[in-house]
């Protein structure tokens, strides 16, 4: 197995594994307390911060977070230190100390590695039309950037309905829908997920956006915004494997797209790009309006 494939598989498995680790640590903490170790609950300190953060993402999803998540990292670090000190004093077992250190390492990797992208050079150039890319709409019809001729376009690539940050970002721009429509701006939301899932999203927001599928992530690859292994393992339990199996040689279900926003003028030329280097950090909708005004598109 090549290094690239190994890292890709590791990324896909990482967040699911980290959640399992944190939940398992909570279970161990409770078990140790039940069997008579009063210090067992100390293991909750390094295990809970990430779980609380992820629970907040899904229950009250924000469109963006801080880059370094200090309120997650520092409590985890302090909790791990407490458990290690207890272990050194003979009050915590090796299992507690091992799990505490692993939770700290996992949180560090989540913040510094999993959440972040390397350099993101888009293959399109400002002032020029996009390379040949195409999508399919909810009815399976072919859609290209030329399909929007005569209208400014906000082309937003998102990971899928399973990503709470993406959903919060879409909700924000949906709130600007009336203003954008009045000014003749088209909004196209693009993801590699199935048309069934995109149709559910369209029904949820009830706005006249273009909900498009990037079949097999081909356009994401053309633009250089593919996130290999970016889909967490285990999402098939929630139905995200249906209609997404890719032909041999075109990638696999663990590939997704890096959150990206492109703004095209009426002739289809790229006038703005937002290439976040962290999937948790997204632009404010007001930025899009400012760009459209600055470029004389509204």
C-alpha atoms as a PDB file:
ATOM      1  CA  UNK A   1       0.000   0.000   0.000  1.00  0.00           C
ATOM      2  CA  UNK A   2       1.400   3.414  -0.978  1.00  0.00           C
ATOM      3  CA  UNK A   3       2.019   6.157   1.560  1.00  0.00           C
ATOM      4  CA  UNK A   4      -0.722   8.286  -0.066  1.00  0.00           C
ATOM      5  CA  UNK A   5      -3.311   5.547   0.204  1.00  0.00           C
ATOM      6  CA  UNK A   6      -2.246   4.766   3.775  1.00  0.00           C
ATOM      7  CA  UNK A   7      -2.624   8.390   4.865  1.00  0.00           C
ATOM      8  CA  UNK A   8      -5.942   8.639   3.044  1.00  0.00           C
ATOM      9  CA  UNK A   9      -7.300   5.580   4.876  1.00  0.00           C
ATOM     10  CA  UNK A  10      -5.927   6.876   8.173  1.00  0.00           C
ATOM     11  CA  UNK A  11      -7.682  10.213   7.743  1.00  0.00           C
ATOM     12  CA  UNK A  12     -11.000   8.543   6.952  1.00  0.00           C
ATOM     13  CA  UNK A  13     -10.719   6.357  10.053  1.00  0.00           C
ATOM     14  CA  UNK A  14      -9.295   8.992  12.379  1.00  0.00           C
ATOM     15  CA  UNK A  15     -12.310  10.964  13.582  1.00  0.00           C
ATOM     16  CA  UNK A  16     -14.471   7.858  14.000  1.00  0.00           C
ATOM     17  CA  UNK A  17     -11.659   6.221  15.956  1.00  0.00           C
ATOM     18  CA  UNK A  18     -11.123   9.309  18.096  1.00  0.00           C
ATOM     19  CA  UNK A  19     -14.794   9.496  19.034  1.00  0.00           C
ATOM     20  CA  UNK A  20     -14.737   5.790  19.908  1.00  0.00           C
ATOM     21  CA  UNK A  21     -11.658   6.380  22.065  1.00  0.00           C
ATOM     22  CA  UNK A  22     -13.280   9.276  23.930  1.00  0.00           C
ATOM     23  CA  UNK A  23     -16.551   7.400  24.499  1.00  0.00           C
ATOM     24  CA  UNK A  24     -14.612   4.326  25.620  1.00  0.00           C
ATOM     25  CA  UNK A  25     -12.610   6.467  28.042  1.00  0.00           C
ATOM     26  CA  UNK A  26     -15.817   7.779  29.585  1.00  0.00           C
ATOM     27  CA  UNK A  27     -17.043   4.213  29.994  1.00  0.00           C
ATOM     28  CA  UNK A  28     -13.760   3.185  31.627  1.00  0.00           C
ATOM     29  CA  UNK A  29     -13.941   6.163  34.001  1.00  0.00           C
ATOM     30  CA  UNK A  30     -17.429   5.163  35.113  1.00  0.00           C
ATOM     31  CA  UNK A  31     -16.453   1.489  35.411  1.00  0.00           C
ATOM     32  CA  UNK A  32     -13.382   2.263  37.541  1.00  0.00           C
ATOM     33  CA  UNK A  33     -15.501   4.402  39.844  1.00  0.00           C
ATOM     34  CA  UNK A  34     -18.093   1.655  40.205  1.00  0.00           C
ATOM     35  CA  UNK A  35     -15.451  -0.936  41.124  1.00  0.00           C
ATOM     36  CA  UNK A  36     -14.079   1.278  43.860  1.00  0.00           C
ATOM     37  CA  UNK A  37     -11.429   3.598  42.400  1.00  0.00           C
ATOM     38  CA  UNK A  38     -12.529   7.109  43.461  1.00  0.00           C
ATOM     39  CA  UNK A  39      -9.972   8.629  41.101  1.00  0.00           C
ATOM     40  CA  UNK A  40     -11.465   6.938  38.044  1.00  0.00           C
ATOM     41  CA  UNK A  41     -13.623   9.947  37.227  1.00  0.00           C
ATOM     42  CA  UNK A  42     -10.442  11.950  36.580  1.00  0.00           C
ATOM     43  CA  UNK A  43     -10.343  10.244  33.192  1.00  0.00           C
ATOM     44  CA  UNK A  44     -13.390  12.276  32.220  1.00  0.00           C
ATOM     45  CA  UNK A  45     -11.240  15.400  32.177  1.00  0.00           C
ATOM     46  CA  UNK A  46      -9.254  14.520  29.020  1.00  0.00           C
ATOM     47  CA  UNK A  47     -12.126  12.579  27.409  1.00  0.00           C
ATOM     48  CA  UNK A  48     -15.063  14.980  27.577  1.00  0.00           C
ATOM     49  CA  UNK A  49     -13.859  18.256  25.951  1.00  0.00           C
ATOM     50  CA  UNK A  50     -13.809  16.837  22.407  1.00  0.00           C
ATOM     51  CA  UNK A  51     -17.109  15.008  22.914  1.00  0.00           C
ATOM     52  CA  UNK A  52     -18.750  18.195  24.182  1.00  0.00           C
ATOM     53  CA  UNK A  53     -17.366  20.122  21.208  1.00  0.00           C
ATOM     54  CA  UNK A  54     -18.634  17.564  18.691  1.00  0.00           C
ATOM     55  CA  UNK A  55     -22.016  17.370  20.416  1.00  0.00           C
ATOM     56  CA  UNK A  56     -22.302  21.141  20.089  1.00  0.00           C
ATOM     57  CA  UNK A  57     -21.439  20.914  16.395  1.00  0.00           C
ATOM     58  CA  UNK A  58     -24.340  18.554  15.746  1.00  0.00           C
ATOM     59  CA  UNK A  59     -26.893  19.997  18.167  1.00  0.00           C
ATOM     60  CA  UNK A  60     -26.199  23.713  17.701  1.00  0.00           C
ATOM     61  CA  UNK A  61     -24.037  23.828  14.562  1.00  0.00           C
ATOM     62  CA  UNK A  62     -22.027  26.995  13.985  1.00  0.00           C
ATOM     63  CA  UNK A  63     -20.837  27.894  10.478  1.00  0.00           C
ATOM     64  CA  UNK A  64     -17.295  28.304  11.759  1.00  0.00           C
ATOM     65  CA  UNK A  65     -15.125  27.742  14.826  1.00  0.00           C
ATOM     66  CA  UNK A  66     -11.840  29.121  16.075  1.00  0.00           C
ATOM     67  CA  UNK A  67      -8.768  27.711  14.368  1.00  0.00           C
ATOM     68  CA  UNK A  68      -7.019  26.177  17.384  1.00  0.00           C
ATOM     69  CA  UNK A  69     -10.012  25.344  19.630  1.00  0.00           C
ATOM     70  CA  UNK A  70      -8.305  26.489  22.868  1.00  0.00           C
ATOM     71  CA  UNK A  71     -11.323  25.600  25.013  1.00  0.00           C
ATOM     72  CA  UNK A  72     -11.000  22.012  23.769  1.00  0.00           C
ATOM     73  CA  UNK A  73      -7.231  21.615  23.735  1.00  0.00           C
ATOM     74  CA  UNK A  74      -6.287  23.194  27.067  1.00  0.00           C
ATOM     75  CA  UNK A  75      -8.879  21.368  29.215  1.00  0.00           C
ATOM     76  CA  UNK A  76      -7.797  18.113  27.541  1.00  0.00           C
ATOM     77  CA  UNK A  77      -4.144  18.886  28.289  1.00  0.00           C
ATOM     78  CA  UNK A  78      -4.874  19.763  31.918  1.00  0.00           C
ATOM     79  CA  UNK A  79      -6.977  16.615  32.290  1.00  0.00           C
ATOM     80  CA  UNK A  80      -4.222  14.422  30.849  1.00  0.00           C
ATOM     81  CA  UNK A  81      -1.657  15.986  33.198  1.00  0.00           C
ATOM     82  CA  UNK A  82      -3.934  15.362  36.186  1.00  0.00           C
ATOM     83  CA  UNK A  83      -4.301  11.677  35.286  1.00  0.00           C
ATOM     84  CA  UNK A  84      -0.556  11.258  34.695  1.00  0.00           C
ATOM     85  CA  UNK A  85       0.185  12.891  38.074  1.00  0.00           C
ATOM     86  CA  UNK A  86      -2.297  10.510  39.719  1.00  0.00           C
ATOM     87  CA  UNK A  87      -0.588   7.613  37.979  1.00  0.00           C
ATOM     88  CA  UNK A  88       2.815   8.761  39.243  1.00  0.00           C
ATOM     89  CA  UNK A  89       1.362   8.898  42.743  1.00  0.00           C
ATOM     90  CA  UNK A  90      -0.018   5.381  42.471  1.00  0.00           C
ATOM     91  CA  UNK A  91      -3.656   6.514  42.448  1.00  0.00           C
ATOM     92  CA  UNK A  92      -4.406   5.823  38.793  1.00  0.00           C
ATOM     93  CA  UNK A  93      -3.793   2.656  36.814  1.00  0.00           C
ATOM     94  CA  UNK A  94      -1.817   2.296  33.592  1.00  0.00           C
ATOM     95  CA  UNK A  95      -5.068   2.055  31.597  1.00  0.00           C
ATOM     96  CA  UNK A  96      -6.204   5.464  32.838  1.00  0.00           C
ATOM     97  CA  UNK A  97      -2.888   7.127  32.050  1.00  0.00           C
ATOM     98  CA  UNK A  98      -2.668   5.484  28.622  1.00  0.00           C
ATOM     99  CA  UNK A  99      -6.182   6.567  27.668  1.00  0.00           C
ATOM    100  CA  UNK A 100      -5.552  10.095  28.936  1.00  0.00           C
ATOM    101  CA  UNK A 101      -2.420  10.466  26.808  1.00  0.00           C
ATOM    102  CA  UNK A 102      -4.155   8.979  23.763  1.00  0.00           C
ATOM    103  CA  UNK A 103      -7.068  11.425  24.130  1.00  0.00           C
ATOM    104  CA  UNK A 104      -4.625  14.325  24.303  1.00  0.00           C
ATOM    105  CA  UNK A 105      -2.764  13.101  21.241  1.00  0.00           C
ATOM    106  CA  UNK A 106      -6.038  12.634  19.374  1.00  0.00           C
ATOM    107  CA  UNK A 107      -7.246  16.149  20.154  1.00  0.00           C
ATOM    108  CA  UNK A 108      -3.906  17.579  19.054  1.00  0.00           C
ATOM    109  CA  UNK A 109      -4.079  15.666  15.755  1.00  0.00           C
ATOM    110  CA  UNK A 110      -7.693  16.718  15.224  1.00  0.00           C
ATOM    111  CA  UNK A 111      -6.802  20.382  15.602  1.00  0.00           C
ATOM    112  CA  UNK A 112      -3.424  20.410  13.876  1.00  0.00           C
ATOM    113  CA  UNK A 113      -3.747  17.680  11.238  1.00  0.00           C
ATOM    114  CA  UNK A 114      -7.271  16.400  10.567  1.00  0.00           C
ATOM    115  CA  UNK A 115      -8.949  19.821  10.400  1.00  0.00           C
ATOM    116  CA  UNK A 116      -6.319  21.443   8.225  1.00  0.00           C
ATOM    117  CA  UNK A 117      -5.407  21.345   4.582  1.00  0.00           C
ATOM    118  CA  UNK A 118      -2.046  21.810   2.989  1.00  0.00           C
ATOM    119  CA  UNK A 119      -1.442  24.414   0.282  1.00  0.00           C
ATOM    120  CA  UNK A 120      -4.499  24.823  -1.916  1.00  0.00           C
ATOM    121  CA  UNK A 121      -3.539  26.161  -5.350  1.00  0.00           C
ATOM    122  CA  UNK A 122      -6.777  26.310  -7.358  1.00  0.00           C
ATOM    123  CA  UNK A 123      -6.234  25.351 -10.989  1.00  0.00           C
ATOM    124  CA  UNK A 124      -8.451  28.243 -12.145  1.00  0.00           C
ATOM    125  CA  UNK A 125      -7.072  31.777 -12.445  1.00  0.00           C
ATOM    126  CA  UNK A 126      -8.713  35.005 -11.372  1.00  0.00           C
ATOM    127  CA  UNK A 127     -10.124  36.785 -14.407  1.00  0.00           C
ATOM    128  CA  UNK A 128     -10.423  33.616 -16.485  1.00  0.00           C
ATOM    129  CA  UNK A 129     -13.120  31.018 -16.998  1.00  0.00           C
ATOM    130  CA  UNK A 130     -12.932  27.772 -15.029  1.00  0.00           C
ATOM    131  CA  UNK A 131     -11.298  24.668 -16.506  1.00  0.00           C
ATOM    132  CA  UNK A 132     -13.841  22.279 -18.078  1.00  0.00           C
ATOM    133  CA  UNK A 133     -16.069  21.160 -15.201  1.00  0.00           C
ATOM    134  CA  UNK A 134     -19.603  19.818 -15.115  1.00  0.00           C
ATOM    135  CA  UNK A 135     -22.207  18.753 -12.603  1.00  0.00           C
ATOM    136  CA  UNK A 136     -25.645  17.150 -12.585  1.00  0.00           C
ATOM    137  CA  UNK A 137     -28.779  18.702 -11.125  1.00  0.00           C
ATOM    138  CA  UNK A 138     -31.498  16.970  -9.122  1.00  0.00           C
ATOM    139  CA  UNK A 139     -33.088  15.722 -12.344  1.00  0.00           C
ATOM    140  CA  UNK A 140     -29.822  14.326 -13.651  1.00  0.00           C
ATOM    141  CA  UNK A 141     -29.378  17.105 -16.226  1.00  0.00           C
ATOM    142  CA  UNK A 142     -25.889  18.277 -17.159  1.00  0.00           C
ATOM    143  CA  UNK A 143     -24.931  21.664 -15.701  1.00  0.00           C
ATOM    144  CA  UNK A 144     -21.774  23.633 -16.533  1.00  0.00           C
ATOM    145  CA  UNK A 145     -20.642  27.147 -15.579  1.00  0.00           C
ATOM    146  CA  UNK A 146     -21.920  28.236 -18.996  1.00  0.00           C
ATOM    147  CA  UNK A 147     -25.419  27.290 -17.821  1.00  0.00           C
ATOM    148  CA  UNK A 148     -25.394  30.400 -15.619  1.00  0.00           C
ATOM    149  CA  UNK A 149     -24.415  32.833 -18.385  1.00  0.00           C
ATOM    150  CA  UNK A 150     -25.824  36.297 -17.771  1.00  0.00           C
ATOM    151  CA  UNK A 151     -25.878  35.897 -13.988  1.00  0.00           C
ATOM    152  CA  UNK A 152     -23.235  36.319 -11.300  1.00  0.00           C
ATOM    153  CA  UNK A 153     -22.800  32.973  -9.563  1.00  0.00           C
ATOM    154  CA  UNK A 154     -21.768  31.944  -6.069  1.00  0.00           C
ATOM    155  CA  UNK A 155     -20.449  28.414  -6.516  1.00  0.00           C
ATOM    156  CA  UNK A 156     -20.185  26.788  -3.090  1.00  0.00           C
ATOM    157  CA  UNK A 157     -18.566  23.365  -2.749  1.00  0.00           C
ATOM    158  CA  UNK A 158     -19.572  21.620   0.475  1.00  0.00           C
ATOM    159  CA  UNK A 159     -18.847  18.175   1.914  1.00  0.00           C
ATOM    160  CA  UNK A 160     -22.386  16.880   2.369  1.00  0.00           C
ATOM    161  CA  UNK A 161     -25.440  16.858   4.598  1.00  0.00           C
ATOM    162  CA  UNK A 162     -23.432  14.933   7.199  1.00  0.00           C
ATOM    163  CA  UNK A 163     -21.175  17.964   7.854  1.00  0.00           C
ATOM    164  CA  UNK A 164     -22.822  20.264  10.442  1.00  0.00           C
ATOM    165  CA  UNK A 165     -20.508  23.168   9.583  1.00  0.00           C
ATOM    166  CA  UNK A 166     -21.522  22.919   5.922  1.00  0.00           C
ATOM    167  CA  UNK A 167     -25.192  22.888   6.869  1.00  0.00           C
ATOM    168  CA  UNK A 168     -24.756  25.950   9.069  1.00  0.00           C
ATOM    169  CA  UNK A 169     -22.935  27.763   6.266  1.00  0.00           C
ATOM    170  CA  UNK A 170     -25.703  26.916   3.793  1.00  0.00           C
ATOM    171  CA  UNK A 171     -28.301  28.083   6.314  1.00  0.00           C
ATOM    172  CA  UNK A 172     -26.509  31.427   6.564  1.00  0.00           C
ATOM    173  CA  UNK A 173     -26.462  32.003   2.821  1.00  0.00           C
ATOM    174  CA  UNK A 174     -30.071  30.804   2.548  1.00  0.00           C
ATOM    175  CA  UNK A 175     -30.988  33.678   4.846  1.00  0.00           C
ATOM    176  CA  UNK A 176     -29.541  36.013   2.184  1.00  0.00           C
ATOM    177  CA  UNK A 177     -31.571  34.293  -0.543  1.00  0.00           C
ATOM    178  CA  UNK A 178     -34.173  37.014  -1.110  1.00  0.00           C
ATOM    179  CA  UNK A 179     -31.561  39.735  -1.416  1.00  0.00           C
ATOM    180  CA  UNK A 180     -29.419  37.652  -3.779  1.00  0.00           C
ATOM    181  CA  UNK A 181     -32.375  36.684  -5.976  1.00  0.00           C
ATOM    182  CA  UNK A 182     -33.517  40.302  -6.295  1.00  0.00           C
ATOM    183  CA  UNK A 183     -30.046  41.217  -7.541  1.00  0.00           C
ATOM    184  CA  UNK A 184     -29.963  38.391 -10.085  1.00  0.00           C
ATOM    185  CA  UNK A 185     -27.302  36.340  -8.299  1.00  0.00           C
ATOM    186  CA  UNK A 186     -27.454  32.556  -8.718  1.00  0.00           C
ATOM    187  CA  UNK A 187     -26.256  30.289  -5.919  1.00  0.00           C
ATOM    188  CA  UNK A 188     -25.085  26.784  -6.809  1.00  0.00           C
ATOM    189  CA  UNK A 189     -24.378  24.313  -4.005  1.00  0.00           C
ATOM    190  CA  UNK A 190     -22.112  21.470  -5.107  1.00  0.00           C
ATOM    191  CA  UNK A 191     -21.242  18.255  -3.264  1.00  0.00           C
ATOM    192  CA  UNK A 192     -20.343  14.642  -4.118  1.00  0.00           C
ATOM    193  CA  UNK A 193     -23.342  13.269  -2.225  1.00  0.00           C
ATOM    194  CA  UNK A 194     -26.272  11.522  -3.891  1.00  0.00           C
ATOM    195  CA  UNK A 195     -29.171  13.360  -5.502  1.00  0.00           C
ATOM    196  CA  UNK A 196     -31.455  11.831  -2.865  1.00  0.00           C
ATOM    197  CA  UNK A 197     -29.536  13.552  -0.095  1.00  0.00           C
ATOM    198  CA  UNK A 198     -29.334  16.838  -2.005  1.00  0.00           C
ATOM    199  CA  UNK A 199     -33.089  16.711  -2.672  1.00  0.00           C
ATOM    200  CA  UNK A 200     -33.669  16.360   1.076  1.00  0.00           C
ATOM    201  CA  UNK A 201     -31.461  19.405   1.597  1.00  0.00           C
ATOM    202  CA  UNK A 202     -33.347  21.390  -1.034  1.00  0.00           C
ATOM    203  CA  UNK A 203     -36.642  20.535   0.658  1.00  0.00           C
ATOM    204  CA  UNK A 204     -35.253  21.576   4.026  1.00  0.00           C
ATOM    205  CA  UNK A 205     -34.293  25.091   2.915  1.00  0.00           C
ATOM    206  CA  UNK A 206     -36.984  25.762   0.287  1.00  0.00           C
ATOM    207  CA  UNK A 207     -34.882  28.236  -1.689  1.00  0.00           C
ATOM    208  CA  UNK A 208     -34.307  28.385  -5.416  1.00  0.00           C
ATOM    209  CA  UNK A 209     -30.647  27.461  -5.256  1.00  0.00           C
ATOM    210  CA  UNK A 210     -29.095  25.040  -7.716  1.00  0.00           C
ATOM    211  CA  UNK A 211     -28.386  21.821  -5.814  1.00  0.00           C
ATOM    212  CA  UNK A 212     -25.740  20.038  -7.870  1.00  0.00           C
ATOM    213  CA  UNK A 213     -23.791  16.819  -7.659  1.00  0.00           C
ATOM    214  CA  UNK A 214     -20.137  16.583  -8.592  1.00  0.00           C
ATOM    215  CA  UNK A 215     -20.300  13.041  -9.939  1.00  0.00           C
ATOM    216  CA  UNK A 216     -17.312  10.986  -8.749  1.00  0.00           C
ATOM    217  CA  UNK A 217     -15.680  14.232  -7.536  1.00  0.00           C
ATOM    218  CA  UNK A 218     -14.399  14.748 -11.081  1.00  0.00           C
ATOM    219  CA  UNK A 219     -14.769  18.535 -11.057  1.00  0.00           C
ATOM    220  CA  UNK A 220     -13.199  18.774  -7.591  1.00  0.00           C
ATOM    221  CA  UNK A 221     -10.189  16.916  -8.971  1.00  0.00           C
ATOM    222  CA  UNK A 222     -10.051  19.171 -12.005  1.00  0.00           C
ATOM    223  CA  UNK A 223     -10.085  22.245  -9.768  1.00  0.00           C
ATOM    224  CA  UNK A 224      -7.612  20.763  -7.279  1.00  0.00           C
ATOM    225  CA  UNK A 225      -9.989  20.871  -4.296  1.00  0.00           C
ATOM    226  CA  UNK A 226     -10.404  17.143  -3.622  1.00  0.00           C
ATOM    227  CA  UNK A 227     -10.070  16.018  -0.006  1.00  0.00           C
ATOM    228  CA  UNK A 228      -8.929  12.409  -0.179  1.00  0.00           C
ATOM    229  CA  UNK A 229     -10.143  10.402   2.789  1.00  0.00           C
ATOM    230  CA  UNK A 230     -12.056  13.403   4.107  1.00  0.00           C
ATOM    231  CA  UNK A 231     -15.330  11.540   4.694  1.00  0.00           C
ATOM    232  CA  UNK A 232     -15.332   9.904   8.146  1.00  0.00           C
ATOM    233  CA  UNK A 233     -15.546   6.124   8.171  1.00  0.00           C
ATOM    234  CA  UNK A 234     -18.848   4.746   9.396  1.00  0.00           C
ATOM    235  CA  UNK A 235     -21.177   7.262   7.745  1.00  0.00           C
ATOM    236  CA  UNK A 236     -22.736   4.406   5.791  1.00  0.00           C
ATOM    237  CA  UNK A 237     -24.669   3.694   8.998  1.00  0.00           C
ATOM    238  CA  UNK A 238     -26.472   6.983   8.351  1.00  0.00           C
ATOM    239  CA  UNK A 239     -27.123   6.146   4.705  1.00  0.00           C
ATOM    240  CA  UNK A 240     -24.260   8.014   3.097  1.00  0.00           C
ATOM    241  CA  UNK A 241     -23.077   5.064   1.071  1.00  0.00           C
ATOM    242  CA  UNK A 242     -26.147   4.909  -1.153  1.00  0.00           C
ATOM    243  CA  UNK A 243     -25.700   6.158  -4.744  1.00  0.00           C
ATOM    244  CA  UNK A 244     -22.105   7.157  -4.034  1.00  0.00           C
ATOM    245  CA  UNK A 245     -20.096   4.122  -5.077  1.00  0.00           C
ATOM    246  CA  UNK A 246     -17.526   5.233  -7.625  1.00  0.00           C
ATOM    247  CA  UNK A 247     -16.216   3.335 -10.627  1.00  0.00           C
ATOM    248  CA  UNK A 248     -12.791   1.767 -10.284  1.00  0.00           C
ATOM    249  CA  UNK A 249     -10.039   4.298 -10.787  1.00  0.00           C
ATOM    250  CA  UNK A 250     -12.177   7.354 -10.000  1.00  0.00           C
ATOM    251  CA  UNK A 251     -11.686   7.449  -6.226  1.00  0.00           C
ATOM    252  CA  UNK A 252     -13.811   5.991  -3.459  1.00  0.00           C
ATOM    253  CA  UNK A 253     -16.530   6.874  -1.003  1.00  0.00           C
ATOM    254  CA  UNK A 254     -14.053   8.323   1.513  1.00  0.00           C
ATOM    255  CA  UNK A 255     -13.140  11.170  -0.864  1.00  0.00           C
ATOM    256  CA  UNK A 256     -14.963  14.460  -0.516  1.00  0.00           C
ATOM    257  CA  UNK A 257     -14.317  18.095  -1.352  1.00  0.00           C
ATOM    258  CA  UNK A 258     -12.505  20.844   0.517  1.00  0.00           C
ATOM    259  CA  UNK A 259     -15.034  23.572   1.409  1.00  0.00           C
ATOM    260  CA  UNK A 260     -14.558  26.163  -1.316  1.00  0.00           C
ATOM    261  CA  UNK A 261     -16.408  29.241  -2.546  1.00  0.00           C
ATOM    262  CA  UNK A 262     -15.938  30.597  -6.068  1.00  0.00           C
ATOM    263  CA  UNK A 263     -17.688  33.692  -7.438  1.00  0.00           C
ATOM    264  CA  UNK A 264     -18.108  33.971 -11.197  1.00  0.00           C
ATOM    265  CA  UNK A 265     -19.163  37.045 -13.180  1.00  0.00           C
ATOM    266  CA  UNK A 266     -21.852  37.099 -15.839  1.00  0.00           C
ATOM    267  CA  UNK A 267     -19.423  35.750 -18.434  1.00  0.00           C
ATOM    268  CA  UNK A 268     -18.336  32.885 -16.213  1.00  0.00           C
ATOM    269  CA  UNK A 269     -14.966  34.378 -15.280  1.00  0.00           C
ATOM    270  CA  UNK A 270     -13.617  33.725 -11.807  1.00  0.00           C
ATOM    271  CA  UNK A 271     -13.541  36.968  -9.821  1.00  0.00           C
ATOM    272  CA  UNK A 272     -13.107  35.618  -6.273  1.00  0.00           C
ATOM    273  CA  UNK A 273     -12.089  32.447  -4.491  1.00  0.00           C
ATOM    274  CA  UNK A 274     -12.177  31.488  -0.827  1.00  0.00           C
ATOM    275  CA  UNK A 275      -9.911  28.522  -0.153  1.00  0.00           C
ATOM    276  CA  UNK A 276      -9.998  27.914   3.574  1.00  0.00           C
ATOM    277  CA  UNK A 277      -7.040  25.973   4.976  1.00  0.00           C
ATOM    278  CA  UNK A 278      -9.234  24.600   7.784  1.00  0.00           C
ATOM    279  CA  UNK A 279     -12.601  22.920   7.241  1.00  0.00           C
ATOM    280  CA  UNK A 280     -13.848  24.455  10.498  1.00  0.00           C
ATOM    281  CA  UNK A 281     -13.185  28.037   9.354  1.00  0.00           C
ATOM    282  CA  UNK A 282     -15.708  29.409   6.823  1.00  0.00           C
ATOM    283  CA  UNK A 283     -16.268  32.911   5.415  1.00  0.00           C
ATOM    284  CA  UNK A 284     -19.123  35.135   6.561  1.00  0.00           C
ATOM    285  CA  UNK A 285     -21.973  35.627   4.033  1.00  0.00           C
ATOM    286  CA  UNK A 286     -21.398  39.376   4.248  1.00  0.00           C
ATOM    287  CA  UNK A 287     -18.046  38.778   2.551  1.00  0.00           C
ATOM    288  CA  UNK A 288     -19.786  37.430  -0.556  1.00  0.00           C
ATOM    289  CA  UNK A 289     -22.054  40.472  -0.743  1.00  0.00           C
ATOM    290  CA  UNK A 290     -19.051  42.765  -0.361  1.00  0.00           C
ATOM    291  CA  UNK A 291     -17.207  40.973  -3.188  1.00  0.00           C
ATOM    292  CA  UNK A 292     -20.252  41.146  -5.490  1.00  0.00           C
ATOM    293  CA  UNK A 293     -20.540  44.879  -4.856  1.00  0.00           C
ATOM    294  CA  UNK A 294     -16.807  45.482  -5.212  1.00  0.00           C
ATOM    295  CA  UNK A 295     -16.753  43.692  -8.576  1.00  0.00           C
ATOM    296  CA  UNK A 296     -19.778  45.642  -9.798  1.00  0.00           C
ATOM    297  CA  UNK A 297     -21.919  42.503 -10.068  1.00  0.00           C
ATOM    298  CA  UNK A 298     -24.814  43.815  -7.951  1.00  0.00           C
END
